[in-house]
């Protein structure tokens, strides 16, 4: 059996932001810095982040190359060391490659890529 609820609900009063959204309020517009468009901020090159991305990319390549040398027998080491180097190599190569690719496409001017997509440190 379904029971009826005895609570009656009423619509909440309107929010003050509705007047702002539809342009009401006597034409009063407040400045909101979240929606301020400054194109120079998007064109700033984060050099430290690009240097970190290149370091991660080269370190990941080096670790993966060392793992290959261990597995092929050109370098002495246990296979568990090779697996550890593969995991560390992947963990450093992927973020380095990702951010280096964004930096390269931003530098080339490809559509949809901006330096603002790279976090700056």
PDB file of N, CA and C in Angstrom:
ATOM      1  N   UNK A   1       0.827  -1.173   0.000  1.00  0.00           N
ATOM      2  CA  UNK A   1       0.000   0.000   0.000  1.00  0.00           C
ATOM      3  C   UNK A   1       0.872   1.238   0.000  1.00  0.00           C
ATOM      4  N   UNK A   2       0.540   2.121  -0.821  1.00  0.00           N
ATOM      5  CA  UNK A   2       1.269   3.380  -0.888  1.00  0.00           C
ATOM      6  C   UNK A   2       0.638   4.388   0.062  1.00  0.00           C
ATOM      7  N   UNK A   3       1.434   5.032   0.830  1.00  0.00           N
ATOM      8  CA  UNK A   3       0.913   6.034   1.756  1.00  0.00           C
ATOM      9  C   UNK A   3       1.170   7.417   1.187  1.00  0.00           C
ATOM     10  N   UNK A   4       0.274   8.320   1.440  1.00  0.00           N
ATOM     11  CA  UNK A   4       0.429   9.704   0.984  1.00  0.00           C
ATOM     12  C   UNK A   4       1.264  10.467   1.983  1.00  0.00           C
ATOM     13  N   UNK A   5       2.097  11.297   1.467  1.00  0.00           N
ATOM     14  CA  UNK A   5       2.902  12.129   2.351  1.00  0.00           C
ATOM     15  C   UNK A   5       2.105  13.365   2.719  1.00  0.00           C
ATOM     16  N   UNK A   6       2.281  13.767   3.935  1.00  0.00           N
ATOM     17  CA  UNK A   6       1.506  14.908   4.411  1.00  0.00           C
ATOM     18  C   UNK A   6       2.240  16.231   4.223  1.00  0.00           C
ATOM     19  N   UNK A   7       3.478  16.185   3.730  1.00  0.00           N
ATOM     20  CA  UNK A   7       4.237  17.421   3.557  1.00  0.00           C
ATOM     21  C   UNK A   7       3.828  18.091   2.251  1.00  0.00           C
ATOM     22  N   UNK A   8       3.616  19.390   2.334  1.00  0.00           N
ATOM     23  CA  UNK A   8       3.304  20.155   1.127  1.00  0.00           C
ATOM     24  C   UNK A   8       4.538  20.967   0.755  1.00  0.00           C
ATOM     25  N   UNK A   9       4.897  20.883  -0.497  1.00  0.00           N
ATOM     26  CA  UNK A   9       6.084  21.571  -0.975  1.00  0.00           C
ATOM     27  C   UNK A   9       5.688  22.813  -1.741  1.00  0.00           C
ATOM     28  N   UNK A  10       6.491  23.836  -1.569  1.00  0.00           N
ATOM     29  CA  UNK A  10       6.251  25.089  -2.295  1.00  0.00           C
ATOM     30  C   UNK A  10       7.529  25.475  -3.032  1.00  0.00           C
ATOM     31  N   UNK A  11       7.366  26.213  -4.121  1.00  0.00           N
ATOM     32  CA  UNK A  11       8.516  26.635  -4.899  1.00  0.00           C
ATOM     33  C   UNK A  11       9.328  27.660  -4.113  1.00  0.00           C
ATOM     34  N   UNK A  12      10.653  27.514  -4.176  1.00  0.00           N
ATOM     35  CA  UNK A  12      11.538  28.438  -3.471  1.00  0.00           C
ATOM     36  C   UNK A  12      11.503  29.801  -4.149  1.00  0.00           C
ATOM     37  N   UNK A  13      11.739  30.855  -3.394  1.00  0.00           N
ATOM     38  CA  UNK A  13      11.760  32.181  -4.019  1.00  0.00           C
ATOM     39  C   UNK A  13      12.921  32.283  -5.007  1.00  0.00           C
ATOM     40  N   UNK A  14      12.765  33.150  -5.983  1.00  0.00           N
ATOM     41  CA  UNK A  14      13.759  33.325  -7.033  1.00  0.00           C
ATOM     42  C   UNK A  14      15.099  33.792  -6.492  1.00  0.00           C
ATOM     43  N   UNK A  15      16.145  33.488  -7.201  1.00  0.00           N
ATOM     44  CA  UNK A  15      17.496  33.850  -6.795  1.00  0.00           C
ATOM     45  C   UNK A  15      17.859  35.207  -7.388  1.00  0.00           C
ATOM     46  N   UNK A  16      18.775  35.907  -6.741  1.00  0.00           N
ATOM     47  CA  UNK A  16      19.204  37.208  -7.241  1.00  0.00           C
ATOM     48  C   UNK A  16      19.966  37.090  -8.553  1.00  0.00           C
ATOM     49  N   UNK A  17      20.577  35.928  -8.811  1.00  0.00           N
ATOM     50  CA  UNK A  17      21.358  35.754 -10.032  1.00  0.00           C
ATOM     51  C   UNK A  17      20.487  35.724 -11.284  1.00  0.00           C
ATOM     52  N   UNK A  18      19.196  35.451 -11.138  1.00  0.00           N
ATOM     53  CA  UNK A  18      18.320  35.430 -12.307  1.00  0.00           C
ATOM     54  C   UNK A  18      18.231  36.813 -12.937  1.00  0.00           C
ATOM     55  N   UNK A  19      18.189  37.848 -12.111  1.00  0.00           N
ATOM     56  CA  UNK A  19      18.149  39.206 -12.649  1.00  0.00           C
ATOM     57  C   UNK A  19      19.436  39.522 -13.396  1.00  0.00           C
ATOM     58  N   UNK A  20      20.538  39.021 -12.891  1.00  0.00           N
ATOM     59  CA  UNK A  20      21.824  39.282 -13.530  1.00  0.00           C
ATOM     60  C   UNK A  20      21.925  38.532 -14.861  1.00  0.00           C
ATOM     61  N   UNK A  21      21.400  37.300 -14.902  1.00  0.00           N
ATOM     62  CA  UNK A  21      21.533  36.478 -16.104  1.00  0.00           C
ATOM     63  C   UNK A  21      20.704  37.011 -17.263  1.00  0.00           C
ATOM     64  N   UNK A  22      19.505  37.497 -16.979  1.00  0.00           N
ATOM     65  CA  UNK A  22      18.665  37.949 -18.093  1.00  0.00           C
ATOM     66  C   UNK A  22      18.793  39.456 -18.344  1.00  0.00           C
ATOM     67  N   UNK A  23      19.732  40.092 -17.718  1.00  0.00           N
ATOM     68  CA  UNK A  23      19.975  41.507 -17.994  1.00  0.00           C
ATOM     69  C   UNK A  23      19.054  42.444 -17.254  1.00  0.00           C
ATOM     70  N   UNK A  24      18.315  41.943 -16.298  1.00  0.00           N
ATOM     71  CA  UNK A  24      17.403  42.794 -15.536  1.00  0.00           C
ATOM     72  C   UNK A  24      18.156  43.595 -14.497  1.00  0.00           C
ATOM     73  N   UNK A  25      17.440  44.132 -13.586  1.00  0.00           N
ATOM     74  CA  UNK A  25      18.050  44.884 -12.493  1.00  0.00           C
ATOM     75  C   UNK A  25      18.411  46.298 -12.882  1.00  0.00           C
ATOM     76  N   UNK A  26      17.686  46.881 -13.822  1.00  0.00           N
ATOM     77  CA  UNK A  26      17.930  48.265 -14.183  1.00  0.00           C
ATOM     78  C   UNK A  26      19.185  48.467 -15.003  1.00  0.00           C
ATOM     79  N   UNK A  27      19.625  47.440 -15.707  1.00  0.00           N
ATOM     80  CA  UNK A  27      20.804  47.583 -16.555  1.00  0.00           C
ATOM     81  C   UNK A  27      22.115  47.530 -15.796  1.00  0.00           C
ATOM     82  N   UNK A  28      22.077  47.145 -14.538  1.00  0.00           N
ATOM     83  CA  UNK A  28      23.285  47.093 -13.726  1.00  0.00           C
ATOM     84  C   UNK A  28      24.055  45.811 -14.047  1.00  0.00           C
ATOM     85  N   UNK A  29      25.317  45.950 -14.451  1.00  0.00           N
ATOM     86  CA  UNK A  29      26.160  44.792 -14.739  1.00  0.00           C
ATOM     87  C   UNK A  29      27.398  44.872 -13.859  1.00  0.00           C
ATOM     88  N   UNK A  30      27.610  43.870 -13.048  1.00  0.00           N
ATOM     89  CA  UNK A  30      28.803  43.814 -12.213  1.00  0.00           C
ATOM     90  C   UNK A  30      29.931  43.144 -12.986  1.00  0.00           C
ATOM     91  N   UNK A  31      31.143  43.558 -12.707  1.00  0.00           N
ATOM     92  CA  UNK A  31      32.308  42.948 -13.343  1.00  0.00           C
ATOM     93  C   UNK A  31      32.601  41.614 -12.680  1.00  0.00           C
ATOM     94  N   UNK A  32      32.732  40.571 -13.468  1.00  0.00           N
ATOM     95  CA  UNK A  32      33.047  39.249 -12.957  1.00  0.00           C
ATOM     96  C   UNK A  32      34.368  38.798 -13.586  1.00  0.00           C
ATOM     97  N   UNK A  33      35.450  38.712 -12.815  1.00  0.00           N
ATOM     98  CA  UNK A  33      36.756  38.388 -13.412  1.00  0.00           C
ATOM     99  C   UNK A  33      36.843  36.977 -13.971  1.00  0.00           C
ATOM    100  N   UNK A  34      35.907  36.096 -13.619  1.00  0.00           N
ATOM    101  CA  UNK A  34      35.949  34.742 -14.171  1.00  0.00           C
ATOM    102  C   UNK A  34      35.718  34.734 -15.671  1.00  0.00           C
ATOM    103  N   UNK A  35      34.965  35.687 -16.153  1.00  0.00           N
ATOM    104  CA  UNK A  35      34.616  35.712 -17.563  1.00  0.00           C
ATOM    105  C   UNK A  35      35.385  36.777 -18.333  1.00  0.00           C
ATOM    106  N   UNK A  36      36.448  37.288 -17.743  1.00  0.00           N
ATOM    107  CA  UNK A  36      37.266  38.286 -18.403  1.00  0.00           C
ATOM    108  C   UNK A  36      38.207  37.577 -19.377  1.00  0.00           C
ATOM    109  N   UNK A  37      38.191  37.957 -20.626  1.00  0.00           N
ATOM    110  CA  UNK A  37      39.009  37.319 -21.660  1.00  0.00           C
ATOM    111  C   UNK A  37      40.265  38.131 -21.882  1.00  0.00           C
ATOM    112  N   UNK A  38      41.397  37.543 -21.564  1.00  0.00           N
ATOM    113  CA  UNK A  38      42.675  38.196 -21.792  1.00  0.00           C
ATOM    114  C   UNK A  38      43.528  37.277 -22.658  1.00  0.00           C
ATOM    115  N   UNK A  39      43.642  37.564 -23.934  1.00  0.00           N
ATOM    116  CA  UNK A  39      44.383  36.667 -24.816  1.00  0.00           C
ATOM    117  C   UNK A  39      45.867  36.581 -24.519  1.00  0.00           C
ATOM    118  N   UNK A  40      46.481  37.600 -23.912  1.00  0.00           N
ATOM    119  CA  UNK A  40      47.907  37.536 -23.608  1.00  0.00           C
ATOM    120  C   UNK A  40      48.199  36.479 -22.552  1.00  0.00           C
ATOM    121  N   UNK A  41      47.232  36.211 -21.667  1.00  0.00           N
ATOM    122  CA  UNK A  41      47.430  35.179 -20.656  1.00  0.00           C
ATOM    123  C   UNK A  41      47.492  33.796 -21.296  1.00  0.00           C
ATOM    124  N   UNK A  42      46.813  33.607 -22.424  1.00  0.00           N
ATOM    125  CA  UNK A  42      46.839  32.313 -23.084  1.00  0.00           C
ATOM    126  C   UNK A  42      48.111  32.116 -23.894  1.00  0.00           C
ATOM    127  N   UNK A  43      48.797  33.175 -24.278  1.00  0.00           N
ATOM    128  CA  UNK A  43      49.971  33.075 -25.122  1.00  0.00           C
ATOM    129  C   UNK A  43      51.278  33.053 -24.333  1.00  0.00           C
ATOM    130  N   UNK A  44      51.212  33.124 -23.025  1.00  0.00           N
ATOM    131  CA  UNK A  44      52.416  33.080 -22.203  1.00  0.00           C
ATOM    132  C   UNK A  44      52.982  31.660 -22.225  1.00  0.00           C
ATOM    133  N   UNK A  45      54.264  31.526 -22.504  1.00  0.00           N
ATOM    134  CA  UNK A  45      54.896  30.208 -22.616  1.00  0.00           C
ATOM    135  C   UNK A  45      55.414  29.776 -21.247  1.00  0.00           C
ATOM    136  N   UNK A  46      54.953  28.630 -20.720  1.00  0.00           N
ATOM    137  CA  UNK A  46      55.438  28.143 -19.421  1.00  0.00           C
ATOM    138  C   UNK A  46      56.756  27.381 -19.590  1.00  0.00           C
ATOM    139  N   UNK A  47      57.864  28.093 -19.562  1.00  0.00           N
ATOM    140  CA  UNK A  47      59.159  27.484 -19.850  1.00  0.00           C
ATOM    141  C   UNK A  47      59.553  26.418 -18.833  1.00  0.00           C
ATOM    142  N   UNK A  48      59.261  26.635 -17.557  1.00  0.00           N
ATOM    143  CA  UNK A  48      59.622  25.646 -16.541  1.00  0.00           C
ATOM    144  C   UNK A  48      58.858  24.343 -16.743  1.00  0.00           C
ATOM    145  N   UNK A  49      57.593  24.449 -17.100  1.00  0.00           N
ATOM    146  CA  UNK A  49      56.789  23.251 -17.327  1.00  0.00           C
ATOM    147  C   UNK A  49      57.258  22.488 -18.559  1.00  0.00           C
ATOM    148  N   UNK A  50      57.662  23.205 -19.593  1.00  0.00           N
ATOM    149  CA  UNK A  50      58.157  22.552 -20.805  1.00  0.00           C
ATOM    150  C   UNK A  50      59.493  21.873 -20.519  1.00  0.00           C
ATOM    151  N   UNK A  51      60.343  22.514 -19.714  1.00  0.00           N
ATOM    152  CA  UNK A  51      61.617  21.892 -19.338  1.00  0.00           C
ATOM    153  C   UNK A  51      61.381  20.627 -18.516  1.00  0.00           C
ATOM    154  N   UNK A  52      60.413  20.667 -17.597  1.00  0.00           N
ATOM    155  CA  UNK A  52      60.073  19.482 -16.809  1.00  0.00           C
ATOM    156  C   UNK A  52      59.512  18.380 -17.696  1.00  0.00           C
ATOM    157  N   UNK A  53      58.672  18.738 -18.663  1.00  0.00           N
ATOM    158  CA  UNK A  53      58.106  17.744 -19.571  1.00  0.00           C
ATOM    159  C   UNK A  53      59.208  17.100 -20.415  1.00  0.00           C
ATOM    160  N   UNK A  54      60.157  17.885 -20.901  1.00  0.00           N
ATOM    161  CA  UNK A  54      61.255  17.317 -21.684  1.00  0.00           C
ATOM    162  C   UNK A  54      62.137  16.413 -20.824  1.00  0.00           C
ATOM    163  N   UNK A  55      62.375  16.814 -19.577  1.00  0.00           N
ATOM    164  CA  UNK A  55      63.151  15.975 -18.664  1.00  0.00           C
ATOM    165  C   UNK A  55      62.449  14.640 -18.435  1.00  0.00           C
ATOM    166  N   UNK A  56      61.131  14.669 -18.185  1.00  0.00           N
ATOM    167  CA  UNK A  56      60.389  13.419 -17.977  1.00  0.00           C
ATOM    168  C   UNK A  56      60.398  12.554 -19.229  1.00  0.00           C
ATOM    169  N   UNK A  57      60.290  13.183 -20.386  1.00  0.00           N
ATOM    170  CA  UNK A  57      60.296  12.440 -21.648  1.00  0.00           C
ATOM    171  C   UNK A  57      61.634  11.727 -21.843  1.00  0.00           C
ATOM    172  N   UNK A  58      62.743  12.432 -21.669  1.00  0.00           N
ATOM    173  CA  UNK A  58      64.057  11.813 -21.864  1.00  0.00           C
ATOM    174  C   UNK A  58      64.379  10.790 -20.782  1.00  0.00           C
ATOM    175  N   UNK A  59      63.975  11.048 -19.538  1.00  0.00           N
ATOM    176  CA  UNK A  59      64.193  10.075 -18.472  1.00  0.00           C
ATOM    177  C   UNK A  59      63.398   8.800 -18.732  1.00  0.00           C
ATOM    178  N   UNK A  60      62.165   8.949 -19.182  1.00  0.00           N
ATOM    179  CA  UNK A  60      61.350   7.776 -19.509  1.00  0.00           C
ATOM    180  C   UNK A  60      61.943   6.971 -20.648  1.00  0.00           C
ATOM    181  N   UNK A  61      62.453   7.661 -21.679  1.00  0.00           N
ATOM    182  CA  UNK A  61      63.108   6.947 -22.795  1.00  0.00           C
ATOM    183  C   UNK A  61      64.342   6.201 -22.309  1.00  0.00           C
ATOM    184  N   UNK A  62      65.123   6.830 -21.438  1.00  0.00           N
ATOM    185  CA  UNK A  62      66.326   6.197 -20.908  1.00  0.00           C
ATOM    186  C   UNK A  62      65.977   4.956 -20.084  1.00  0.00           C
ATOM    187  N   UNK A  63      64.978   5.075 -19.209  1.00  0.00           N
ATOM    188  CA  UNK A  63      64.589   3.927 -18.379  1.00  0.00           C
ATOM    189  C   UNK A  63      64.040   2.785 -19.227  1.00  0.00           C
ATOM    190  N   UNK A  64      63.271   3.099 -20.244  1.00  0.00           N
ATOM    191  CA  UNK A  64      62.755   2.050 -21.130  1.00  0.00           C
ATOM    192  C   UNK A  64      63.886   1.405 -21.927  1.00  0.00           C
ATOM    193  N   UNK A  65      64.866   2.188 -22.347  1.00  0.00           N
ATOM    194  CA  UNK A  65      66.005   1.650 -23.076  1.00  0.00           C
ATOM    195  C   UNK A  65      66.838   0.731 -22.180  1.00  0.00           C
ATOM    196  N   UNK A  66      67.024   1.119 -20.920  1.00  0.00           N
ATOM    197  CA  UNK A  66      67.746   0.260 -19.984  1.00  0.00           C
ATOM    198  C   UNK A  66      67.002  -1.050 -19.743  1.00  0.00           C
ATOM    199  N   UNK A  67      65.681  -0.992 -19.681  1.00  0.00           N
ATOM    200  CA  UNK A  67      64.885  -2.210 -19.508  1.00  0.00           C
ATOM    201  C   UNK A  67      65.034  -3.132 -20.715  1.00  0.00           C
ATOM    202  N   UNK A  68      65.068  -2.570 -21.903  1.00  0.00           N
ATOM    203  CA  UNK A  68      65.268  -3.380 -23.106  1.00  0.00           C
ATOM    204  C   UNK A  68      66.647  -4.032 -23.075  1.00  0.00           C
ATOM    205  N   UNK A  69      67.673  -3.286 -22.655  1.00  0.00           N
ATOM    206  CA  UNK A  69      69.021  -3.859 -22.565  1.00  0.00           C
ATOM    207  C   UNK A  69      69.077  -5.002 -21.554  1.00  0.00           C
ATOM    208  N   UNK A  70      68.353  -4.884 -20.455  1.00  0.00           N
ATOM    209  CA  UNK A  70      68.334  -5.957 -19.458  1.00  0.00           C
ATOM    210  C   UNK A  70      67.645  -7.189 -20.028  1.00  0.00           C
ATOM    211  N   UNK A  71      66.527  -7.013 -20.722  1.00  0.00           N
ATOM    212  CA  UNK A  71      65.793  -8.161 -21.249  1.00  0.00           C
ATOM    213  C   UNK A  71      66.514  -8.845 -22.404  1.00  0.00           C
ATOM    214  N   UNK A  72      67.273  -8.100 -23.191  1.00  0.00           N
ATOM    215  CA  UNK A  72      67.987  -8.707 -24.311  1.00  0.00           C
ATOM    216  C   UNK A  72      69.333  -9.284 -23.907  1.00  0.00           C
ATOM    217  N   UNK A  73      69.799  -9.022 -22.694  1.00  0.00           N
ATOM    218  CA  UNK A  73      71.047  -9.595 -22.211  1.00  0.00           C
ATOM    219  C   UNK A  73      72.271  -8.742 -22.493  1.00  0.00           C
ATOM    220  N   UNK A  74      72.119  -7.558 -23.022  1.00  0.00           N
ATOM    221  CA  UNK A  74      73.260  -6.681 -23.264  1.00  0.00           C
ATOM    222  C   UNK A  74      73.759  -6.029 -21.969  1.00  0.00           C
ATOM    223  N   UNK A  75      72.949  -6.102 -20.936  1.00  0.00           N
ATOM    224  CA  UNK A  75      73.311  -5.528 -19.649  1.00  0.00           C
ATOM    225  C   UNK A  75      72.931  -6.541 -18.580  1.00  0.00           C
ATOM    226  N   UNK A  76      73.769  -6.704 -17.577  1.00  0.00           N
ATOM    227  CA  UNK A  76      73.459  -7.676 -16.534  1.00  0.00           C
ATOM    228  C   UNK A  76      72.373  -7.141 -15.622  1.00  0.00           C
ATOM    229  N   UNK A  77      71.530  -8.044 -15.208  1.00  0.00           N
ATOM    230  CA  UNK A  77      70.462  -7.680 -14.296  1.00  0.00           C
ATOM    231  C   UNK A  77      69.395  -8.747 -14.289  1.00  0.00           C
ATOM    232  N   UNK A  78      68.630  -8.758 -13.220  1.00  0.00           N
ATOM    233  CA  UNK A  78      67.549  -9.722 -13.081  1.00  0.00           C
ATOM    234  C   UNK A  78      66.333  -9.236 -13.869  1.00  0.00           C
ATOM    235  N   UNK A  79      65.451 -10.153 -14.235  1.00  0.00           N
ATOM    236  CA  UNK A  79      64.271  -9.744 -15.008  1.00  0.00           C
ATOM    237  C   UNK A  79      63.341  -8.861 -14.169  1.00  0.00           C
ATOM    238  N   UNK A  80      63.360  -9.029 -12.833  1.00  0.00           N
ATOM    239  CA  UNK A  80      62.518  -8.177 -11.988  1.00  0.00           C
ATOM    240  C   UNK A  80      62.986  -6.717 -12.057  1.00  0.00           C
ATOM    241  N   UNK A  81      64.299  -6.529 -12.228  1.00  0.00           N
ATOM    242  CA  UNK A  81      64.803  -5.164 -12.397  1.00  0.00           C
ATOM    243  C   UNK A  81      64.331  -4.579 -13.717  1.00  0.00           C
ATOM    244  N   UNK A  82      64.262  -5.406 -14.737  1.00  0.00           N
ATOM    245  CA  UNK A  82      63.758  -4.956 -16.034  1.00  0.00           C
ATOM    246  C   UNK A  82      62.302  -4.553 -15.958  1.00  0.00           C
ATOM    247  N   UNK A  83      61.494  -5.342 -15.245  1.00  0.00           N
ATOM    248  CA  UNK A  83      60.072  -4.987 -15.094  1.00  0.00           C
ATOM    249  C   UNK A  83      59.901  -3.688 -14.315  1.00  0.00           C
ATOM    250  N   UNK A  84      60.720  -3.502 -13.281  1.00  0.00           N
ATOM    251  CA  UNK A  84      60.642  -2.265 -12.508  1.00  0.00           C
ATOM    252  C   UNK A  84      61.019  -1.063 -13.378  1.00  0.00           C
ATOM    253  N   UNK A  85      62.038  -1.235 -14.227  1.00  0.00           N
ATOM    254  CA  UNK A  85      62.432  -0.136 -15.108  1.00  0.00           C
ATOM    255  C   UNK A  85      61.356   0.154 -16.154  1.00  0.00           C
ATOM    256  N   UNK A  86      60.657  -0.874 -16.597  1.00  0.00           N
ATOM    257  CA  UNK A  86      59.560  -0.646 -17.552  1.00  0.00           C
ATOM    258  C   UNK A  86      58.447   0.166 -16.898  1.00  0.00           C
ATOM    259  N   UNK A  87      58.082  -0.192 -15.675  1.00  0.00           N
ATOM    260  CA  UNK A  87      57.008   0.544 -14.980  1.00  0.00           C
ATOM    261  C   UNK A  87      57.428   1.993 -14.741  1.00  0.00           C
ATOM    262  N   UNK A  88      58.638   2.195 -14.239  1.00  0.00           N
ATOM    263  CA  UNK A  88      59.109   3.560 -14.002  1.00  0.00           C
ATOM    264  C   UNK A  88      59.253   4.336 -15.313  1.00  0.00           C
ATOM    265  N   UNK A  89      59.708   3.667 -16.360  1.00  0.00           N
ATOM    266  CA  UNK A  89      59.836   4.318 -17.655  1.00  0.00           C
ATOM    267  C   UNK A  89      58.507   4.769 -18.211  1.00  0.00           C
ATOM    268  N   UNK A  90      57.487   3.930 -18.078  1.00  0.00           N
ATOM    269  CA  UNK A  90      56.150   4.302 -18.565  1.00  0.00           C
ATOM    270  C   UNK A  90      55.590   5.454 -17.739  1.00  0.00           C
ATOM    271  N   UNK A  91      55.799   5.392 -16.407  1.00  0.00           N
ATOM    272  CA  UNK A  91      55.268   6.450 -15.536  1.00  0.00           C
ATOM    273  C   UNK A  91      55.924   7.805 -15.785  1.00  0.00           C
ATOM    274  N   UNK A  92      57.141   7.817 -16.276  1.00  0.00           N
ATOM    275  CA  UNK A  92      57.784   9.094 -16.572  1.00  0.00           C
ATOM    276  C   UNK A  92      57.624   9.496 -18.033  1.00  0.00           C
ATOM    277  N   UNK A  93      57.552   8.527 -18.939  1.00  0.00           N
ATOM    278  CA  UNK A  93      57.451   8.837 -20.364  1.00  0.00           C
ATOM    279  C   UNK A  93      56.094   9.434 -20.727  1.00  0.00           C
ATOM    280  N   UNK A  94      55.008   8.857 -20.222  1.00  0.00           N
ATOM    281  CA  UNK A  94      53.669   9.287 -20.645  1.00  0.00           C
ATOM    282  C   UNK A  94      53.359  10.750 -20.328  1.00  0.00           C
ATOM    283  N   UNK A  95      53.551  11.238 -19.085  1.00  0.00           N
ATOM    284  CA  UNK A  95      53.264  12.666 -18.860  1.00  0.00           C
ATOM    285  C   UNK A  95      54.220  13.579 -19.615  1.00  0.00           C
ATOM    286  N   UNK A  96      55.475  13.148 -19.754  1.00  0.00           N
ATOM    287  CA  UNK A  96      56.421  13.957 -20.505  1.00  0.00           C
ATOM    288  C   UNK A  96      56.040  14.066 -21.967  1.00  0.00           C
ATOM    289  N   UNK A  97      55.624  12.963 -22.562  1.00  0.00           N
ATOM    290  CA  UNK A  97      55.210  12.975 -23.962  1.00  0.00           C
ATOM    291  C   UNK A  97      53.948  13.812 -24.152  1.00  0.00           C
ATOM    292  N   UNK A  98      52.996  13.674 -23.228  1.00  0.00           N
ATOM    293  CA  UNK A  98      51.723  14.381 -23.336  1.00  0.00           C
ATOM    294  C   UNK A  98      51.943  15.898 -23.320  1.00  0.00           C
ATOM    295  N   UNK A  99      52.692  16.384 -22.357  1.00  0.00           N
ATOM    296  CA  UNK A  99      52.883  17.839 -22.258  1.00  0.00           C
ATOM    297  C   UNK A  99      53.815  18.368 -23.332  1.00  0.00           C
ATOM    298  N   UNK A 100      54.796  17.562 -23.750  1.00  0.00           N
ATOM    299  CA  UNK A 100      55.661  17.990 -24.846  1.00  0.00           C
ATOM    300  C   UNK A 100      54.862  18.098 -26.140  1.00  0.00           C
ATOM    301  N   UNK A 101      53.938  17.182 -26.354  1.00  0.00           N
ATOM    302  CA  UNK A 101      53.090  17.231 -27.552  1.00  0.00           C
ATOM    303  C   UNK A 101      52.209  18.473 -27.552  1.00  0.00           C
ATOM    304  N   UNK A 102      51.632  18.815 -26.398  1.00  0.00           N
ATOM    305  CA  UNK A 102      50.807  20.025 -26.309  1.00  0.00           C
ATOM    306  C   UNK A 102      51.662  21.263 -26.577  1.00  0.00           C
ATOM    307  N   UNK A 103      52.871  21.294 -26.021  1.00  0.00           N
ATOM    308  CA  UNK A 103      53.757  22.447 -26.237  1.00  0.00           C
ATOM    309  C   UNK A 103      54.149  22.559 -27.708  1.00  0.00           C
ATOM    310  N   UNK A 104      54.426  21.434 -28.358  1.00  0.00           N
ATOM    311  CA  UNK A 104      54.820  21.468 -29.767  1.00  0.00           C
ATOM    312  C   UNK A 104      53.674  21.953 -30.644  1.00  0.00           C
ATOM    313  N   UNK A 105      52.482  21.403 -30.425  1.00  0.00           N
ATOM    314  CA  UNK A 105      51.339  21.820 -31.245  1.00  0.00           C
ATOM    315  C   UNK A 105      50.950  23.274 -30.968  1.00  0.00           C
ATOM    316  N   UNK A 106      51.121  23.726 -29.744  1.00  0.00           N
ATOM    317  CA  UNK A 106      50.853  25.132 -29.435  1.00  0.00           C
ATOM    318  C   UNK A 106      51.851  26.035 -30.142  1.00  0.00           C
ATOM    319  N   UNK A 107      53.109  25.624 -30.156  1.00  0.00           N
ATOM    320  CA  UNK A 107      54.137  26.396 -30.837  1.00  0.00           C
ATOM    321  C   UNK A 107      53.892  26.447 -32.341  1.00  0.00           C
ATOM    322  N   UNK A 108      53.402  25.338 -32.906  1.00  0.00           N
ATOM    323  CA  UNK A 108      53.105  25.295 -34.336  1.00  0.00           C
ATOM    324  C   UNK A 108      51.828  26.056 -34.687  1.00  0.00           C
ATOM    325  N   UNK A 109      50.989  26.342 -33.697  1.00  0.00           N
ATOM    326  CA  UNK A 109      49.749  27.087 -33.942  1.00  0.00           C
ATOM    327  C   UNK A 109      48.591  26.207 -34.367  1.00  0.00           C
ATOM    328  N   UNK A 110      48.599  24.945 -34.000  1.00  0.00           N
ATOM    329  CA  UNK A 110      47.520  24.031 -34.356  1.00  0.00           C
ATOM    330  C   UNK A 110      46.240  24.443 -33.632  1.00  0.00           C
ATOM    331  N   UNK A 111      45.135  24.241 -34.300  1.00  0.00           N
ATOM    332  CA  UNK A 111      43.847  24.635 -33.741  1.00  0.00           C
ATOM    333  C   UNK A 111      43.507  23.751 -32.540  1.00  0.00           C
ATOM    334  N   UNK A 112      43.067  24.374 -31.470  1.00  0.00           N
ATOM    335  CA  UNK A 112      42.675  23.650 -30.270  1.00  0.00           C
ATOM    336  C   UNK A 112      43.793  23.454 -29.264  1.00  0.00           C
ATOM    337  N   UNK A 113      45.001  23.865 -29.577  1.00  0.00           N
ATOM    338  CA  UNK A 113      46.134  23.723 -28.663  1.00  0.00           C
ATOM    339  C   UNK A 113      46.620  25.108 -28.265  1.00  0.00           C
ATOM    340  N   UNK A 114      46.714  25.337 -26.947  1.00  0.00           N
ATOM    341  CA  UNK A 114      47.209  26.603 -26.420  1.00  0.00           C
ATOM    342  C   UNK A 114      48.157  26.304 -25.273  1.00  0.00           C
ATOM    343  N   UNK A 115      49.072  27.229 -25.040  1.00  0.00           N
ATOM    344  CA  UNK A 115      49.990  27.063 -23.925  1.00  0.00           C
ATOM    345  C   UNK A 115      49.259  27.092 -22.584  1.00  0.00           C
ATOM    346  N   UNK A 116      48.045  27.589 -22.560  1.00  0.00           N
ATOM    347  CA  UNK A 116      47.280  27.635 -21.310  1.00  0.00           C
ATOM    348  C   UNK A 116      46.887  26.240 -20.840  1.00  0.00           C
ATOM    349  N   UNK A 117      46.953  25.236 -21.723  1.00  0.00           N
ATOM    350  CA  UNK A 117      46.617  23.864 -21.336  1.00  0.00           C
ATOM    351  C   UNK A 117      47.732  23.210 -20.522  1.00  0.00           C
ATOM    352  N   UNK A 118      48.902  23.834 -20.494  1.00  0.00           N
ATOM    353  CA  UNK A 118      50.032  23.289 -19.730  1.00  0.00           C
ATOM    354  C   UNK A 118      50.077  24.031 -18.399  1.00  0.00           C
ATOM    355  N   UNK A 119      50.062  23.302 -17.275  1.00  0.00           N
ATOM    356  CA  UNK A 119      50.149  23.999 -15.983  1.00  0.00           C
ATOM    357  C   UNK A 119      51.504  24.654 -15.820  1.00  0.00           C
ATOM    358  N   UNK A 120      51.507  25.844 -15.254  1.00  0.00           N
ATOM    359  CA  UNK A 120      52.775  26.559 -15.077  1.00  0.00           C
ATOM    360  C   UNK A 120      53.200  26.477 -13.619  1.00  0.00           C
ATOM    361  N   UNK A 121      54.495  26.334 -13.423  1.00  0.00           N
ATOM    362  CA  UNK A 121      55.066  26.221 -12.080  1.00  0.00           C
ATOM    363  C   UNK A 121      55.953  27.383 -11.784  1.00  0.00           C
TER     364      UNK A 121
END
